[in-house]
Amino acid sequence: MADTSITKARTLLTPATARPSPYAALGAAALAATAAVLMAGVMVLGPGVRFDETAISARP
């Protein structure tokens, strides 16, 4: 009787195996692609680029 209780307790204490989700991999790939595009935009523009807006009086 003690042997069956111990084996039942061991089976209850073993962690369940997590199944990998394909959606998690897809989300990670999308995040990496977005970061790559943003970093490429920063490298193309560079740190010295400024966008000066025209003065309000110069607009028609």
PDB file of N, CA and C in Angstrom:
ATOM      1  N   MET A   1       0.815  -1.189   0.000  1.00  0.00           N
ATOM      2  CA  MET A   1       0.000   0.000   0.000  1.00  0.00           C
ATOM      3  C   MET A   1       0.859   1.253   0.000  1.00  0.00           C
ATOM      4  N   ALA A   2       1.949   1.227   0.718  1.00  0.00           N
ATOM      5  CA  ALA A   2       2.829   2.389   0.770  1.00  0.00           C
ATOM      6  C   ALA A   2       3.514   2.609  -0.578  1.00  0.00           C
ATOM      7  N   ASP A   3       3.796   1.516  -1.274  1.00  0.00           N
ATOM      8  CA  ASP A   3       4.454   1.649  -2.573  1.00  0.00           C
ATOM      9  C   ASP A   3       3.554   2.344  -3.584  1.00  0.00           C
ATOM     10  N   THR A   4       2.278   2.023  -3.564  1.00  0.00           N
ATOM     11  CA  THR A   4       1.367   2.675  -4.513  1.00  0.00           C
ATOM     12  C   THR A   4       1.171   4.145  -4.168  1.00  0.00           C
ATOM     13  N   SER A   5       1.183   4.490  -2.897  1.00  0.00           N
ATOM     14  CA  SER A   5       1.053   5.898  -2.507  1.00  0.00           C
ATOM     15  C   SER A   5       2.264   6.698  -2.941  1.00  0.00           C
ATOM     16  N   ILE A   6       3.427   6.104  -2.827  1.00  0.00           N
ATOM     17  CA  ILE A   6       4.649   6.796  -3.220  1.00  0.00           C
ATOM     18  C   ILE A   6       4.688   6.997  -4.731  1.00  0.00           C
ATOM     19  N   THR A   7       4.289   5.979  -5.478  1.00  0.00           N
ATOM     20  CA  THR A   7       4.295   6.124  -6.935  1.00  0.00           C
ATOM     21  C   THR A   7       3.249   7.134  -7.392  1.00  0.00           C
ATOM     22  N   LYS A   8       2.104   7.189  -6.747  1.00  0.00           N
ATOM     23  CA  LYS A   8       1.091   8.188  -7.086  1.00  0.00           C
ATOM     24  C   LYS A   8       1.599   9.601  -6.777  1.00  0.00           C
ATOM     25  N   ALA A   9       2.276   9.744  -5.641  1.00  0.00           N
ATOM     26  CA  ALA A   9       2.812  11.050  -5.271  1.00  0.00           C
ATOM     27  C   ALA A   9       3.900  11.488  -6.244  1.00  0.00           C
ATOM     28  N   ARG A  10       4.720  10.550  -6.684  1.00  0.00           N
ATOM     29  CA  ARG A  10       5.774  10.896  -7.638  1.00  0.00           C
ATOM     30  C   ARG A  10       5.185  11.340  -8.969  1.00  0.00           C
ATOM     31  N   THR A  11       4.144  10.652  -9.411  1.00  0.00           N
ATOM     32  CA  THR A  11       3.529  11.055 -10.679  1.00  0.00           C
ATOM     33  C   THR A  11       2.856  12.415 -10.561  1.00  0.00           C
ATOM     34  N   LEU A  12       2.309  12.727  -9.392  1.00  0.00           N
ATOM     35  CA  LEU A  12       1.688  14.039  -9.216  1.00  0.00           C
ATOM     36  C   LEU A  12       2.720  15.156  -9.101  1.00  0.00           C
ATOM     37  N   LEU A  13       3.913  14.835  -8.612  1.00  0.00           N
ATOM     38  CA  LEU A  13       4.942  15.849  -8.420  1.00  0.00           C
ATOM     39  C   LEU A  13       5.785  16.115  -9.661  1.00  0.00           C
ATOM     40  N   THR A  14       5.719  15.240 -10.645  1.00  0.00           N
ATOM     41  CA  THR A  14       6.497  15.483 -11.864  1.00  0.00           C
ATOM     42  C   THR A  14       5.852  16.621 -12.644  1.00  0.00           C
ATOM     43  N   PRO A  15       6.641  17.582 -13.106  1.00  0.00           N
ATOM     44  CA  PRO A  15       6.070  18.709 -13.844  1.00  0.00           C
ATOM     45  C   PRO A  15       5.563  18.268 -15.217  1.00  0.00           C
ATOM     46  N   ALA A  16       4.520  18.921 -15.640  1.00  0.00           N
ATOM     47  CA  ALA A  16       3.953  18.606 -16.948  1.00  0.00           C
ATOM     48  C   ALA A  16       4.841  19.206 -18.032  1.00  0.00           C
ATOM     49  N   THR A  17       4.975  18.487 -19.125  1.00  0.00           N
ATOM     50  CA  THR A  17       5.797  18.991 -20.220  1.00  0.00           C
ATOM     51  C   THR A  17       4.994  20.020 -21.009  1.00  0.00           C
ATOM     52  N   ALA A  18       5.624  21.141 -21.259  1.00  0.00           N
ATOM     53  CA  ALA A  18       4.965  22.214 -22.007  1.00  0.00           C
ATOM     54  C   ALA A  18       5.173  21.981 -23.496  1.00  0.00           C
ATOM     55  N   ARG A  19       4.113  22.129 -24.250  1.00  0.00           N
ATOM     56  CA  ARG A  19       4.202  21.971 -25.689  1.00  0.00           C
ATOM     57  C   ARG A  19       4.576  23.316 -26.292  1.00  0.00           C
ATOM     58  N   PRO A  20       5.549  23.355 -27.177  1.00  0.00           N
ATOM     59  CA  PRO A  20       5.932  24.626 -27.784  1.00  0.00           C
ATOM     60  C   PRO A  20       4.833  25.130 -28.703  1.00  0.00           C
ATOM     61  N   SER A  21       4.604  26.416 -28.642  1.00  0.00           N
ATOM     62  CA  SER A  21       3.549  27.015 -29.440  1.00  0.00           C
ATOM     63  C   SER A  21       4.128  27.622 -30.721  1.00  0.00           C
ATOM     64  N   PRO A  22       3.548  27.320 -31.870  1.00  0.00           N
ATOM     65  CA  PRO A  22       4.043  27.943 -33.102  1.00  0.00           C
ATOM     66  C   PRO A  22       3.737  29.443 -33.141  1.00  0.00           C
ATOM     67  N   TYR A  23       2.719  29.864 -32.418  1.00  0.00           N
ATOM     68  CA  TYR A  23       2.381  31.286 -32.393  1.00  0.00           C
ATOM     69  C   TYR A  23       3.427  32.097 -31.627  1.00  0.00           C
ATOM     70  N   ALA A  24       4.036  31.507 -30.636  1.00  0.00           N
ATOM     71  CA  ALA A  24       5.107  32.187 -29.904  1.00  0.00           C
ATOM     72  C   ALA A  24       6.318  32.403 -30.808  1.00  0.00           C
ATOM     73  N   ALA A  25       6.645  31.412 -31.608  1.00  0.00           N
ATOM     74  CA  ALA A  25       7.762  31.557 -32.546  1.00  0.00           C
ATOM     75  C   ALA A  25       7.446  32.598 -33.605  1.00  0.00           C
ATOM     76  N   LEU A  26       6.209  32.622 -34.066  1.00  0.00           N
ATOM     77  CA  LEU A  26       5.806  33.615 -35.063  1.00  0.00           C
ATOM     78  C   LEU A  26       5.853  35.023 -34.479  1.00  0.00           C
ATOM     79  N   GLY A  27       5.430  35.173 -33.239  1.00  0.00           N
ATOM     80  CA  GLY A  27       5.474  36.478 -32.590  1.00  0.00           C
ATOM     81  C   GLY A  27       6.903  36.946 -32.367  1.00  0.00           C
ATOM     82  N   ALA A  28       7.783  36.042 -31.988  1.00  0.00           N
ATOM     83  CA  ALA A  28       9.188  36.405 -31.791  1.00  0.00           C
ATOM     84  C   ALA A  28       9.840  36.811 -33.112  1.00  0.00           C
ATOM     85  N   ALA A  29       9.499  36.110 -34.182  1.00  0.00           N
ATOM     86  CA  ALA A  29      10.045  36.465 -35.492  1.00  0.00           C
ATOM     87  C   ALA A  29       9.533  37.820 -35.954  1.00  0.00           C
ATOM     88  N   ALA A  30       8.261  38.111 -35.693  1.00  0.00           N
ATOM     89  CA  ALA A  30       7.707  39.412 -36.071  1.00  0.00           C
ATOM     90  C   ALA A  30       8.349  40.538 -35.270  1.00  0.00           C
ATOM     91  N   LEU A  31       8.590  40.304 -33.987  1.00  0.00           N
ATOM     92  CA  LEU A  31       9.250  41.306 -33.157  1.00  0.00           C
ATOM     93  C   LEU A  31      10.682  41.557 -33.635  1.00  0.00           C
ATOM     94  N   ALA A  32      11.384  40.507 -33.985  1.00  0.00           N
ATOM     95  CA  ALA A  32      12.755  40.657 -34.478  1.00  0.00           C
ATOM     96  C   ALA A  32      12.778  41.387 -35.818  1.00  0.00           C
ATOM     97  N   ALA A  33      11.824  41.098 -36.693  1.00  0.00           N
ATOM     98  CA  ALA A  33      11.772  41.775 -37.981  1.00  0.00           C
ATOM     99  C   ALA A  33      11.450  43.260 -37.811  1.00  0.00           C
ATOM    100  N   THR A  34      10.545  43.577 -36.903  1.00  0.00           N
ATOM    101  CA  THR A  34      10.205  44.982 -36.655  1.00  0.00           C
ATOM    102  C   THR A  34      11.401  45.735 -36.093  1.00  0.00           C
ATOM    103  N   ALA A  35      12.114  45.115 -35.167  1.00  0.00           N
ATOM    104  CA  ALA A  35      13.303  45.755 -34.595  1.00  0.00           C
ATOM    105  C   ALA A  35      14.373  45.965 -35.655  1.00  0.00           C
ATOM    106  N   ALA A  36      14.528  45.018 -36.558  1.00  0.00           N
ATOM    107  CA  ALA A  36      15.532  45.156 -37.617  1.00  0.00           C
ATOM    108  C   ALA A  36      15.190  46.305 -38.547  1.00  0.00           C
ATOM    109  N   VAL A  37      13.926  46.454 -38.885  1.00  0.00           N
ATOM    110  CA  VAL A  37      13.508  47.552 -39.766  1.00  0.00           C
ATOM    111  C   VAL A  37      13.711  48.893 -39.074  1.00  0.00           C
ATOM    112  N   LEU A  38      13.369  48.972 -37.800  1.00  0.00           N
ATOM    113  CA  LEU A  38      13.557  50.227 -37.074  1.00  0.00           C
ATOM    114  C   LEU A  38      15.038  50.578 -36.945  1.00  0.00           C
ATOM    115  N   MET A  39      15.876  49.598 -36.667  1.00  0.00           N
ATOM    116  CA  MET A  39      17.309  49.878 -36.560  1.00  0.00           C
ATOM    117  C   MET A  39      17.899  50.282 -37.907  1.00  0.00           C
ATOM    118  N   ALA A  40      17.422  49.685 -38.988  1.00  0.00           N
ATOM    119  CA  ALA A  40      17.903  50.063 -40.315  1.00  0.00           C
ATOM    120  C   ALA A  40      17.488  51.493 -40.633  1.00  0.00           C
ATOM    121  N   GLY A  41      16.294  51.887 -40.218  1.00  0.00           N
ATOM    122  CA  GLY A  41      15.861  53.267 -40.442  1.00  0.00           C
ATOM    123  C   GLY A  41      16.711  54.258 -39.683  1.00  0.00           C
ATOM    124  N   VAL A  42      17.113  53.926 -38.489  1.00  0.00           N
ATOM    125  CA  VAL A  42      17.981  54.807 -37.709  1.00  0.00           C
ATOM    126  C   VAL A  42      19.351  54.912 -38.365  1.00  0.00           C
ATOM    127  N   MET A  43      19.855  53.805 -38.883  1.00  0.00           N
ATOM    128  CA  MET A  43      21.170  53.837 -39.521  1.00  0.00           C
ATOM    129  C   MET A  43      21.134  54.617 -40.827  1.00  0.00           C
ATOM    130  N   VAL A  44      20.052  54.560 -41.568  1.00  0.00           N
ATOM    131  CA  VAL A  44      19.952  55.283 -42.832  1.00  0.00           C
ATOM    132  C   VAL A  44      19.846  56.775 -42.571  1.00  0.00           C
ATOM    133  N   LEU A  45      19.002  57.145 -41.611  1.00  0.00           N
ATOM    134  CA  LEU A  45      18.829  58.567 -41.330  1.00  0.00           C
ATOM    135  C   LEU A  45      20.043  59.148 -40.625  1.00  0.00           C
ATOM    136  N   GLY A  46      20.591  58.423 -39.706  1.00  0.00           N
ATOM    137  CA  GLY A  46      21.766  58.896 -38.987  1.00  0.00           C
ATOM    138  C   GLY A  46      21.401  59.867 -37.885  1.00  0.00           C
ATOM    139  N   PRO A  47      22.376  60.183 -37.035  1.00  0.00           N
ATOM    140  CA  PRO A  47      22.091  61.046 -35.896  1.00  0.00           C
ATOM    141  C   PRO A  47      22.001  62.533 -36.264  1.00  0.00           C
ATOM    142  N   GLY A  48      22.531  62.951 -37.422  1.00  0.00           N
ATOM    143  CA  GLY A  48      22.559  64.374 -37.747  1.00  0.00           C
ATOM    144  C   GLY A  48      21.380  64.863 -38.565  1.00  0.00           C
ATOM    145  N   VAL A  49      20.415  64.037 -38.836  1.00  0.00           N
ATOM    146  CA  VAL A  49      19.287  64.428 -39.675  1.00  0.00           C
ATOM    147  C   VAL A  49      18.264  65.182 -38.848  1.00  0.00           C
ATOM    148  N   ARG A  50      17.843  66.339 -39.359  1.00  0.00           N
ATOM    149  CA  ARG A  50      16.799  67.122 -38.701  1.00  0.00           C
ATOM    150  C   ARG A  50      15.718  67.438 -39.713  1.00  0.00           C
ATOM    151  N   PHE A  51      14.502  67.430 -39.272  1.00  0.00           N
ATOM    152  CA  PHE A  51      13.377  67.811 -40.118  1.00  0.00           C
ATOM    153  C   PHE A  51      12.842  69.129 -39.596  1.00  0.00           C
ATOM    154  N   ASP A  52      13.225  70.218 -40.253  1.00  0.00           N
ATOM    155  CA  ASP A  52      12.752  71.529 -39.829  1.00  0.00           C
ATOM    156  C   ASP A  52      11.400  71.806 -40.468  1.00  0.00           C
ATOM    157  N   GLU A  53      10.459  72.180 -39.653  1.00  0.00           N
ATOM    158  CA  GLU A  53       9.144  72.545 -40.178  1.00  0.00           C
ATOM    159  C   GLU A  53       9.184  73.993 -40.646  1.00  0.00           C
ATOM    160  N   THR A  54       8.414  74.257 -41.674  1.00  0.00           N
ATOM    161  CA  THR A  54       8.358  75.638 -42.151  1.00  0.00           C
ATOM    162  C   THR A  54       7.612  76.499 -41.150  1.00  0.00           C
ATOM    163  N   ALA A  55       7.927  77.763 -41.156  1.00  0.00           N
ATOM    164  CA  ALA A  55       7.272  78.671 -40.233  1.00  0.00           C
ATOM    165  C   ALA A  55       5.790  78.801 -40.575  1.00  0.00           C
ATOM    166  N   ILE A  56       4.990  79.091 -39.602  1.00  0.00           N
ATOM    167  CA  ILE A  56       3.551  79.205 -39.829  1.00  0.00           C
ATOM    168  C   ILE A  56       3.243  80.358 -40.781  1.00  0.00           C
ATOM    169  N   SER A  57       4.016  81.431 -40.710  1.00  0.00           N
ATOM    170  CA  SER A  57       3.769  82.583 -41.594  1.00  0.00           C
ATOM    171  C   SER A  57       4.123  82.261 -43.045  1.00  0.00           C
ATOM    172  N   ALA A  58       4.972  81.272 -43.290  1.00  0.00           N
ATOM    173  CA  ALA A  58       5.366  80.925 -44.653  1.00  0.00           C
ATOM    174  C   ALA A  58       4.373  79.977 -45.312  1.00  0.00           C
ATOM    175  N   ARG A  59       3.484  79.406 -44.546  1.00  0.00           N
ATOM    176  CA  ARG A  59       2.502  78.487 -45.131  1.00  0.00           C
ATOM    177  C   ARG A  59       1.381  79.285 -45.773  1.00  0.00           C
ATOM    178  N   PRO A  60       0.856  78.799 -46.901  1.00  0.00           N
ATOM    179  CA  PRO A  60      -0.257  79.533 -47.574  1.00  0.00           C
ATOM    180  C   PRO A  60      -1.562  79.423 -46.853  1.00  0.00           C
TER     181      PRO A  60
END
